[in-house]
């Protein structure tokens, strides 16, 4: 399929990505994925109110050099960064869905980083880990740690609190 044919498709669910001439459907999410996305967007929205940035869910990003269109599960645009349709976010977040492998999502995060996204997080609900992809390297954090963003100055997220949304209420 050509890029123009992809762009002519309706923007309805299921959401579609355009990767190297192929149109791929984003995987169906489960409750854990959805709950984590809501928590992350809320934390990033609150940070955006303080910093002037803007959070989003499944916003299409155009990677012009590679002619790819990808949709991170959650994204954040720092203050001063363009936020129009197809703009590149400062931060892209991928949340592992059933049927996705960690390796394919690591490759997606590395693609984001290599093509203009300052930072990427890979959130794994099953392992309760967050992998950070930054200028400083790649790091895996667990529930007993605090995520400190390199790209979003002053943003911190206590991972035990993030993953608590997955625990049934007592």
Protein backbone atom coordinates (compact mmCIF):
# COMPACT_ATOMS: atom_id res chain seq x y z
CA UNK A 1 0.00 0.00 0.00
CA UNK A 2 1.23 3.49 -0.71
CA UNK A 3 1.55 6.22 1.88
CA UNK A 4 -1.28 8.17 0.18
CA UNK A 5 -3.56 5.11 0.26
CA UNK A 6 -2.83 4.66 3.97
CA UNK A 7 -3.60 8.32 4.68
CA UNK A 8 -6.92 7.98 2.80
CA UNK A 9 -8.11 5.20 5.13
CA UNK A 10 -10.72 6.18 7.73
CA UNK A 11 -9.27 6.92 11.17
CA UNK A 12 -11.56 4.51 12.99
CA UNK A 13 -10.76 1.67 15.33
CA UNK A 14 -9.01 -0.62 14.99
CA UNK A 15 -6.17 1.85 14.64
CA UNK A 16 -3.66 1.21 11.91
CA UNK A 17 0.05 1.93 11.64
CA UNK A 18 1.99 2.29 8.39
CA UNK A 19 5.38 0.62 8.56
CA UNK A 20 7.68 0.31 5.56
CA UNK A 21 4.77 0.09 3.10
CA UNK A 22 2.69 -2.28 5.23
CA UNK A 23 -0.47 -1.43 7.14
CA UNK A 24 -0.56 -3.15 10.52
CA UNK A 25 -3.44 -3.19 12.98
CA UNK A 26 -2.66 -2.23 16.55
CA UNK A 27 -3.39 -5.11 18.93
CA UNK A 28 -6.56 -5.26 20.98
CA UNK A 29 -5.92 -4.02 24.51
CA UNK A 30 -7.10 -5.63 27.72
CA UNK A 31 -8.24 -4.08 31.01
CA UNK A 32 -4.70 -3.93 32.44
CA UNK A 33 -3.43 -2.08 29.38
CA UNK A 34 -6.33 0.35 29.51
CA UNK A 35 -6.01 0.98 33.26
CA UNK A 36 -2.28 1.69 32.96
CA UNK A 37 -2.84 4.03 30.00
CA UNK A 38 -5.39 6.03 32.01
CA UNK A 39 -2.98 6.33 34.95
CA UNK A 40 -0.10 7.40 32.72
CA UNK A 41 -2.17 9.97 30.84
CA UNK A 42 -3.42 11.41 34.13
CA UNK A 43 0.13 11.73 35.50
CA UNK A 44 1.39 13.26 32.26
CA UNK A 45 -1.62 15.59 32.03
CA UNK A 46 -0.91 16.85 35.53
CA UNK A 47 2.76 17.32 34.63
CA UNK A 48 1.69 19.16 31.48
CA UNK A 49 -0.39 21.59 33.51
CA UNK A 50 2.75 22.50 35.44
CA UNK A 51 5.17 22.48 32.51
CA UNK A 52 3.02 23.66 29.62
CA UNK A 53 3.14 20.32 27.77
CA UNK A 54 0.35 18.14 26.45
CA UNK A 55 -0.45 14.43 26.90
CA UNK A 56 -2.25 12.21 24.40
CA UNK A 57 -3.47 8.70 23.67
CA UNK A 58 -2.74 6.90 20.40
CA UNK A 59 -1.77 10.09 18.56
CA UNK A 60 -0.38 9.29 15.12
CA UNK A 61 3.23 10.37 14.60
CA UNK A 62 4.77 10.75 11.15
CA UNK A 63 8.40 9.74 10.83
CA UNK A 64 9.14 11.57 7.57
CA UNK A 65 12.66 10.21 6.99
CA UNK A 66 11.36 6.63 6.97
CA UNK A 67 7.84 7.41 5.69
CA UNK A 68 6.34 5.53 8.63
CA UNK A 69 3.31 6.39 10.76
CA UNK A 70 3.26 4.97 14.28
CA UNK A 71 0.77 5.35 17.13
CA UNK A 72 2.28 5.20 20.61
CA UNK A 73 -0.19 4.07 23.27
CA UNK A 74 0.49 7.24 25.28
CA UNK A 75 2.54 10.27 24.34
CA UNK A 76 3.62 13.64 25.66
CA UNK A 77 4.58 16.80 23.81
CA UNK A 78 6.84 19.11 25.82
CA UNK A 79 6.15 22.82 25.89
CA UNK A 80 7.13 24.42 22.60
CA UNK A 81 6.99 21.16 20.64
CA UNK A 82 4.47 21.05 17.75
CA UNK A 83 1.28 19.15 18.66
CA UNK A 84 -0.49 19.11 15.30
CA UNK A 85 -1.62 15.86 13.74
CA UNK A 86 1.35 13.64 12.88
CA UNK A 87 3.82 15.63 15.04
CA UNK A 88 6.55 13.73 16.87
CA UNK A 89 6.10 13.58 20.63
CA UNK A 90 8.82 14.21 23.18
CA UNK A 91 7.86 10.97 24.95
CA UNK A 92 6.29 7.82 23.52
CA UNK A 93 4.93 5.09 25.81
CA UNK A 94 4.18 1.54 24.74
CA UNK A 95 2.15 -0.73 27.02
CA UNK A 96 2.52 -4.43 26.32
CA UNK A 97 -0.77 -5.98 25.22
CA UNK A 98 -1.64 -9.67 25.09
CA UNK A 99 -0.04 -11.21 22.02
CA UNK A 100 2.79 -8.68 21.85
CA UNK A 101 6.34 -9.64 22.65
CA UNK A 102 8.68 -7.47 24.66
CA UNK A 103 11.21 -7.72 21.82
CA UNK A 104 8.85 -6.25 19.22
CA UNK A 105 8.02 -3.37 21.56
CA UNK A 106 11.70 -2.81 22.35
CA UNK A 107 12.29 -2.53 18.60
CA UNK A 108 9.45 0.00 18.37
CA UNK A 109 10.91 2.06 21.24
CA UNK A 110 14.33 1.97 19.60
CA UNK A 111 12.73 3.10 16.34
CA UNK A 112 11.07 6.02 18.13
CA UNK A 113 14.37 7.04 19.71
CA UNK A 114 16.34 6.73 16.47
CA UNK A 115 13.81 8.91 14.66
CA UNK A 116 13.38 11.99 16.84
CA UNK A 117 11.48 10.96 19.98
CA UNK A 118 13.52 12.02 23.02
CA UNK A 119 12.41 9.21 25.34
CA UNK A 120 10.35 6.01 25.22
CA UNK A 121 8.94 3.84 27.99
CA UNK A 122 7.91 0.21 27.62
CA UNK A 123 5.41 -0.70 30.32
CA UNK A 124 4.88 -4.42 30.95
CA UNK A 125 1.78 -5.13 33.06
CA UNK A 126 2.65 -8.82 33.49
CA UNK A 127 6.19 -8.25 34.74
CA UNK A 128 5.30 -4.93 36.38
CA UNK A 129 8.34 -3.29 34.89
CA UNK A 130 9.05 -0.16 32.89
CA UNK A 131 11.93 -0.11 30.44
CA UNK A 132 13.33 3.34 29.74
CA UNK A 133 14.93 4.21 26.41
CA UNK A 134 16.83 7.50 26.77
CA UNK A 135 19.96 9.33 25.64
CA UNK A 136 21.61 7.86 28.74
CA UNK A 137 20.86 4.26 27.69
CA UNK A 138 18.25 1.60 28.35
CA UNK A 139 17.14 0.75 31.88
CA UNK A 140 14.62 -1.62 33.47
CA UNK A 141 12.78 -0.42 36.57
CA UNK A 142 10.57 -2.42 38.94
CA UNK A 143 7.72 -1.58 41.29
CA UNK A 144 10.08 -0.61 44.12
CA UNK A 145 11.61 2.17 42.03
CA UNK A 146 10.73 5.67 40.87
CA UNK A 147 10.84 6.54 37.20
CA UNK A 148 12.67 9.83 36.73
CA UNK A 149 12.32 11.14 33.19
CA UNK A 150 15.39 12.48 31.44
CA UNK A 151 13.35 14.22 28.72
CA UNK A 152 10.65 15.69 30.98
CA UNK A 153 12.45 17.80 33.55
CA UNK A 154 11.00 17.29 37.01
CA UNK A 155 8.72 14.38 36.07
CA UNK A 156 8.79 11.45 38.47
CA UNK A 157 6.49 8.45 38.76
CA UNK A 158 6.46 6.00 41.66
CA UNK A 159 6.05 2.68 39.88
CA UNK A 160 4.49 0.90 42.85
CA UNK A 161 1.67 3.45 42.69
CA UNK A 162 1.33 3.06 38.92
CA UNK A 163 1.07 -0.72 39.06
CA UNK A 164 -1.27 -0.63 42.10
CA UNK A 165 -4.09 0.03 39.63
CA UNK A 166 -3.72 -3.62 38.58
CA UNK A 167 -4.45 -4.97 42.06
CA UNK A 168 -8.04 -5.76 42.95
CA UNK A 169 -9.35 -3.53 45.69
CA UNK A 170 -9.34 -5.15 49.11
